[in-house]
N, C-alpha and C. Protein backbone atom coordinates (compact mmCIF):
# COMPACT_ATOMS: atom_id res chain seq x y z
N MET A 1 32.76 20.88 8.56
CA MET A 1 31.93 19.73 9.74
C MET A 1 30.39 20.08 9.16
N LEU A 2 29.91 21.15 8.42
CA LEU A 2 29.11 21.81 7.89
C LEU A 2 28.13 20.91 6.95
N TYR A 3 29.42 21.12 6.13
CA TYR A 3 29.77 19.44 4.73
C TYR A 3 29.07 18.44 5.09
N VAL A 4 28.99 17.80 6.45
CA VAL A 4 28.67 16.82 6.86
C VAL A 4 27.03 16.92 7.33
N LEU A 5 26.57 17.54 8.36
CA LEU A 5 25.69 18.14 8.86
C LEU A 5 24.79 18.20 7.26
N LEU A 6 24.87 19.28 6.58
CA LEU A 6 24.08 19.40 5.82
C LEU A 6 23.71 18.05 4.32
N ALA A 7 25.06 17.38 4.35
CA ALA A 7 24.68 15.68 3.56
C ALA A 7 24.15 15.29 4.54
N ALA A 8 24.26 14.78 5.65
CA ALA A 8 22.99 13.97 6.44
C ALA A 8 21.50 14.83 6.67
N VAL A 9 21.58 16.12 6.86
CA VAL A 9 20.18 16.45 6.46
C VAL A 9 19.13 16.44 5.28
N VAL A 10 20.16 16.46 4.07
CA VAL A 10 19.71 16.02 2.55
C VAL A 10 19.07 14.80 3.18
N LEU A 11 20.46 13.01 3.47
CA LEU A 11 19.81 12.02 3.15
C LEU A 11 18.62 12.00 4.25
N TRP A 12 18.63 12.55 5.10
CA TRP A 12 17.56 12.09 6.11
C TRP A 12 16.05 12.61 4.90
N GLY A 13 15.80 13.94 4.71
CA GLY A 13 14.99 14.50 3.74
C GLY A 13 14.55 13.51 2.58
N LEU A 14 15.43 12.58 1.38
CA LEU A 14 15.44 12.10 0.79
C LEU A 14 14.59 10.75 1.56
N ALA A 15 14.76 10.21 2.06
CA ALA A 15 14.56 8.79 2.71
C ALA A 15 13.35 9.08 3.32
N THR A 16 12.72 10.42 3.94
CA THR A 16 11.45 11.15 4.65
C THR A 16 10.63 10.77 3.59
N ILE A 17 10.97 11.65 2.77
CA ILE A 17 10.58 11.86 1.59
C ILE A 17 9.79 10.96 0.44
N TYR A 18 10.33 9.64 0.27
CA TYR A 18 10.62 7.98 0.24
C TYR A 18 9.54 7.37 0.41
N LEU A 19 9.98 6.99 2.52
CA LEU A 19 8.62 6.45 2.89
C LEU A 19 7.77 7.56 2.97
N ALA A 20 7.61 8.76 2.68
CA ALA A 20 5.40 9.28 2.66
C ALA A 20 5.17 8.83 1.36
N TYR A 21 5.86 8.62 0.16
CA TYR A 21 5.83 8.37 -0.68
C TYR A 21 4.81 6.95 -0.83
N ARG A 22 5.67 6.25 -0.30
CA ARG A 22 5.39 4.96 -0.69
C ARG A 22 4.57 4.42 1.18
N PHE A 23 4.31 5.14 1.63
CA PHE A 23 3.70 4.62 2.69
C PHE A 23 2.55 5.44 3.78
N ARG A 24 1.77 4.71 3.17
CA ARG A 24 0.48 5.85 3.32
C ARG A 24 0.16 6.85 5.19
N GLU A 25 0.23 5.02 6.26
CA GLU A 25 0.71 5.19 7.17
C GLU A 25 1.57 6.44 8.17
N PHE A 26 2.95 5.77 6.68
CA PHE A 26 3.98 7.36 7.57
C PHE A 26 3.52 8.88 6.76
N ARG A 27 2.46 8.65 6.13
CA ARG A 27 1.59 10.40 5.52
C ARG A 27 0.73 10.30 7.18
N LYS A 28 0.04 9.44 7.47
CA LYS A 28 -0.21 10.24 8.82
C LYS A 28 0.28 10.11 9.96
N PHE A 29 1.27 9.58 10.08
CA PHE A 29 2.46 9.30 11.15
C PHE A 29 2.63 11.34 10.91
N LEU A 30 3.11 11.65 10.05
CA LEU A 30 3.69 13.22 9.59
C LEU A 30 2.40 13.99 9.65
N ALA A 31 1.46 13.66 9.58
CA ALA A 31 0.27 14.92 9.35
C ALA A 31 -0.01 14.96 11.05
N GLY A 32 0.25 14.67 12.43
CA GLY A 32 0.20 14.30 13.26
C GLY A 32 1.60 14.80 13.61
N ALA A 33 2.61 14.50 13.23
CA ALA A 33 3.70 15.64 13.61
C ALA A 33 3.90 16.69 12.68
N PHE A 34 3.68 17.39 12.47
CA PHE A 34 3.31 18.30 11.46
C PHE A 34 2.40 19.26 12.44
N PHE A 35 1.01 19.31 12.42
CA PHE A 35 0.36 19.30 13.30
C PHE A 35 0.57 20.30 14.17
N VAL A 36 1.57 18.85 15.29
CA VAL A 36 2.20 19.72 16.86
C VAL A 36 3.17 20.69 16.45
N SER A 37 3.79 20.50 14.87
CA SER A 37 5.62 21.37 15.24
C SER A 37 4.68 23.10 15.04
N TRP A 38 3.17 23.30 14.19
CA TRP A 38 2.92 23.69 13.80
C TRP A 38 2.02 24.54 14.68
N GLY A 39 1.80 23.63 15.82
CA GLY A 39 0.82 24.22 16.14
C GLY A 39 2.57 25.05 17.75
N ILE A 40 3.43 24.35 18.02
CA ILE A 40 4.20 24.81 18.56
C ILE A 40 5.22 25.93 18.11
N GLN A 41 5.35 26.54 17.06
CA GLN A 41 6.13 26.73 16.31
C GLN A 41 4.86 28.40 15.94
N LEU A 42 3.77 28.63 16.25
CA LEU A 42 2.58 29.11 16.42
C LEU A 42 2.71 29.64 17.91
N TYR A 43 2.70 28.71 19.03
CA TYR A 43 3.02 29.60 19.83
C TYR A 43 4.09 29.89 20.29
N LEU A 44 5.55 29.70 20.03
CA LEU A 44 6.72 30.67 19.59
C LEU A 44 6.68 31.76 19.55
N TYR A 45 5.28 31.66 18.24
CA TYR A 45 5.25 33.64 17.89
C TYR A 45 4.62 34.35 18.36
N PHE A 46 3.47 34.38 18.63
CA PHE A 46 2.40 34.94 19.66
C PHE A 46 2.73 34.97 20.96
N ALA A 47 4.10 34.14 21.58
CA ALA A 47 4.28 33.95 22.95
C ALA A 47 5.49 34.95 23.37
N LYS A 48 6.15 35.45 21.88
CA LYS A 48 7.31 36.00 21.56
C LYS A 48 8.37 35.44 22.48
N VAL A 49 7.77 34.08 22.23
CA VAL A 49 9.61 33.95 22.33
C VAL A 49 11.19 33.18 21.74
N SER A 50 11.97 33.81 22.50
CA SER A 50 12.69 33.64 21.44
C SER A 50 14.01 31.87 21.53
N VAL A 51 13.92 31.19 20.89
CA VAL A 51 14.92 29.79 21.61
C VAL A 51 16.35 29.98 20.74
N PRO A 52 17.29 29.17 21.81
CA PRO A 52 18.53 28.64 21.17
C PRO A 52 18.81 28.20 20.28
N LEU A 53 19.56 27.54 19.56
CA LEU A 53 20.17 26.90 19.07
C LEU A 53 21.00 26.07 20.07
N LEU A 54 20.66 24.51 20.23
CA LEU A 54 21.37 23.81 20.62
C LEU A 54 23.16 23.56 20.18
N GLY A 55 23.65 24.48 21.56
CA GLY A 55 25.25 23.83 20.69
C GLY A 55 26.36 24.92 20.24
N THR A 56 24.84 26.42 19.70
CA THR A 56 25.46 27.16 19.17
C THR A 56 25.57 28.38 19.58
N ASP A 57 25.81 29.92 18.99
CA ASP A 57 25.35 30.98 19.13
C ASP A 57 23.65 31.77 18.48
N PHE A 58 23.56 30.77 17.24
CA PHE A 58 22.86 31.14 17.19
C PHE A 58 20.72 30.50 17.41
N VAL A 59 19.87 31.51 17.34
CA VAL A 59 18.55 32.29 18.36
C VAL A 59 18.11 32.22 17.68
N PHE A 60 16.56 31.24 17.70
CA PHE A 60 15.49 31.30 16.23
C PHE A 60 14.64 32.42 16.97
N THR A 61 14.09 33.64 16.19
CA THR A 61 13.92 35.21 16.95
C THR A 61 12.02 33.97 16.37
N PRO A 62 11.35 34.99 17.47
CA PRO A 62 9.83 34.69 17.07
C PRO A 62 9.31 35.13 15.86
N GLU A 63 10.04 36.02 14.82
CA GLU A 63 9.54 35.99 13.22
C GLU A 63 10.09 34.75 13.23
N ILE A 64 11.09 34.82 13.25
CA ILE A 64 11.79 32.66 12.41
C ILE A 64 10.51 31.53 12.59
N SER A 65 10.36 31.94 13.70
CA SER A 65 8.97 30.69 14.50
C SER A 65 7.58 30.72 13.18
N GLY A 66 7.29 31.99 13.37
CA GLY A 66 6.07 32.67 12.41
C GLY A 66 6.26 32.00 11.02
N ALA A 67 7.96 32.13 10.83
CA ALA A 67 7.57 32.32 9.04
C ALA A 67 7.74 30.59 9.20
N ARG A 68 8.33 29.81 9.81
CA ARG A 68 8.80 28.52 10.20
C ARG A 68 7.30 27.33 10.44
N SER A 69 6.29 28.03 10.92
CA SER A 69 4.82 27.81 11.17
C SER A 69 3.75 27.41 9.96
N ILE A 70 4.25 28.56 8.56
CA ILE A 70 3.42 28.61 7.93
C ILE A 70 4.20 27.30 6.89
N PRO A 71 4.82 26.74 6.25
CA PRO A 71 5.57 25.72 5.62
C PRO A 71 4.87 24.15 6.69
N HIS A 72 4.91 24.01 7.58
CA HIS A 72 4.53 22.82 8.58
C HIS A 72 3.22 22.92 8.35
N PHE A 73 2.63 24.20 8.50
CA PHE A 73 1.35 23.68 8.07
C PHE A 73 0.43 23.24 7.08
N VAL A 74 0.97 24.12 5.94
CA VAL A 74 0.62 23.56 4.47
C VAL A 74 0.81 21.67 4.37
N PHE A 75 2.57 21.47 5.06
CA PHE A 75 3.05 20.33 4.79
C PHE A 75 1.96 19.30 5.83
N PHE A 76 1.39 19.75 6.75
CA PHE A 76 0.51 19.30 7.49
C PHE A 76 -0.69 19.26 6.86
N LEU A 77 -1.46 19.61 6.33
CA LEU A 77 -2.71 19.50 5.12
C LEU A 77 -2.87 18.97 3.88
N LEU A 78 -1.06 18.60 3.25
CA LEU A 78 -0.96 17.55 2.71
C LEU A 78 -1.60 16.20 3.49
N CYS A 79 -0.40 16.34 4.36
CA CYS A 79 0.43 14.55 4.47
C CYS A 79 -1.50 14.34 4.99
N LEU A 80 -2.23 15.37 5.56
CA LEU A 80 -3.77 15.05 6.30
C LEU A 80 -4.42 14.43 4.93
N TYR A 81 -4.82 15.00 4.38
CA TYR A 81 -5.37 14.66 2.49
C TYR A 81 -5.13 13.46 2.17
N PHE A 82 -3.35 13.22 1.95
CA PHE A 82 -3.23 12.52 1.13
C PHE A 82 -3.27 10.86 1.83
N GLY A 83 -2.81 11.28 3.75
CA GLY A 83 -3.15 10.28 4.88
C GLY A 83 -4.20 9.25 5.10
N PHE A 84 -4.84 10.14 4.77
CA PHE A 84 -6.10 10.02 5.41
C PHE A 84 -7.89 9.95 4.39
N PHE A 85 -7.60 10.71 3.79
CA PHE A 85 -8.62 11.32 2.79
C PHE A 85 -8.36 11.06 1.92
N SER A 86 -7.55 10.57 0.65
CA SER A 86 -7.60 9.99 -0.76
C SER A 86 -7.42 8.43 -0.78
N LYS A 87 -7.70 8.57 -1.68
CA LYS A 87 -8.10 7.06 -2.19
C LYS A 87 -6.61 6.29 -2.60
N PRO A 88 -5.51 5.23 -2.16
CA PRO A 88 -5.21 4.54 -2.62
C PRO A 88 -4.70 4.57 -4.09
N LYS A 89 -3.78 4.49 -4.89
CA LYS A 89 -3.70 3.91 -6.06
C LYS A 89 -4.30 2.90 -6.83
N GLY A 90 -4.97 2.40 -7.22
CA GLY A 90 -5.16 0.87 -8.49
C GLY A 90 -6.61 0.73 -7.30
N SER A 91 -7.09 1.61 -6.34
CA SER A 91 -8.30 1.35 -5.78
C SER A 91 -9.87 1.92 -6.23
N SER A 92 -10.77 0.99 -6.11
CA SER A 92 -11.96 1.90 -6.51
C SER A 92 -12.92 1.10 -6.19
N SER A 93 -14.08 1.25 -6.57
CA SER A 93 -15.12 0.75 -5.15
C SER A 93 -15.30 -0.46 -5.83
N SER A 94 -15.84 -0.16 -7.48
CA SER A 94 -16.23 -1.46 -7.93
C SER A 94 -15.48 -2.46 -8.01
N ALA A 95 -14.19 -2.49 -7.76
CA ALA A 95 -13.38 -3.19 -8.00
C ALA A 95 -13.41 -3.99 -6.86
N ARG A 96 -13.38 -2.85 -5.37
CA ARG A 96 -13.25 -3.11 -4.44
C ARG A 96 -14.67 -4.71 -4.25
N ALA A 97 -15.97 -3.92 -4.72
CA ALA A 97 -16.94 -4.99 -4.59
C ALA A 97 -17.15 -6.52 -5.00
N ASP A 98 -16.19 -6.34 -6.34
CA ASP A 98 -15.71 -7.34 -7.03
C ASP A 98 -15.39 -8.51 -6.23
N ARG A 99 -14.40 -7.88 -5.54
CA ARG A 99 -13.70 -8.47 -5.31
C ARG A 99 -13.87 -9.43 -4.09
N ASP A 100 -14.77 -8.39 -2.62
CA ASP A 100 -15.83 -8.78 -1.51
C ASP A 100 -16.40 -10.22 -2.30
N ASN A 101 -17.09 -10.25 -3.96
CA ASN A 101 -17.94 -11.07 -4.04
C ASN A 101 -17.68 -12.27 -4.26
N VAL A 102 -16.16 -12.02 -4.09
CA VAL A 102 -15.58 -12.89 -4.57
C VAL A 102 -15.45 -13.90 -3.64
N SER A 103 -14.57 -13.57 -2.94
CA SER A 103 -14.27 -13.84 -2.04
C SER A 103 -15.39 -15.21 -0.95
N ALA A 104 -16.54 -13.97 -0.88
CA ALA A 104 -17.52 -14.70 -0.27
C ALA A 104 -18.53 -15.67 -0.12
N ASP A 105 -18.27 -15.65 -2.07
CA ASP A 105 -18.85 -17.33 -3.12
C ASP A 105 -17.72 -17.32 -3.60
N PRO A 106 -17.24 -18.79 -3.22
CA PRO A 106 -15.33 -19.72 -3.30
C PRO A 106 -15.91 -19.99 -4.53
N GLY A 107 -17.39 -20.48 -5.02
CA GLY A 107 -18.15 -21.12 -6.38
C GLY A 107 -18.47 -20.40 -7.28
N ARG A 108 -17.74 -19.32 -6.71
CA ARG A 108 -18.31 -18.30 -8.78
C ARG A 108 -16.69 -18.19 -9.57
C-alpha cells in the first residue's frame, strides 16, 4: 500500500511541476496556495499545535510544522515571482509595440 501511495504522490507532483512550468496562471494559483499553507504551518508552529494525520497514528509536531513552513515560503516566493513579475518567454516591449502598431494600422 505504501508503494501505491508513494507512486501516486510522485505522479501528482510531476503533473503539478509540468503545469506550473507550462502555464503562468497555474503559477499564480500556486503562489496563493503556498502563501496560505505557509501561514497555516507558521501559525501551528507558534501556537504549539500538534496535528494528527488522518487515518494513522502519526502526529505532526509543531517543530515539523515550523520546518514545513520554510519550503512553503520559498515556493511561495518562486511562484510569486514567476507568476506575476517575470516576463513570459519570447515577449519584449519592442515586439509588442510593433505588433500593436500593425494591428492599429492595417494598411501598413
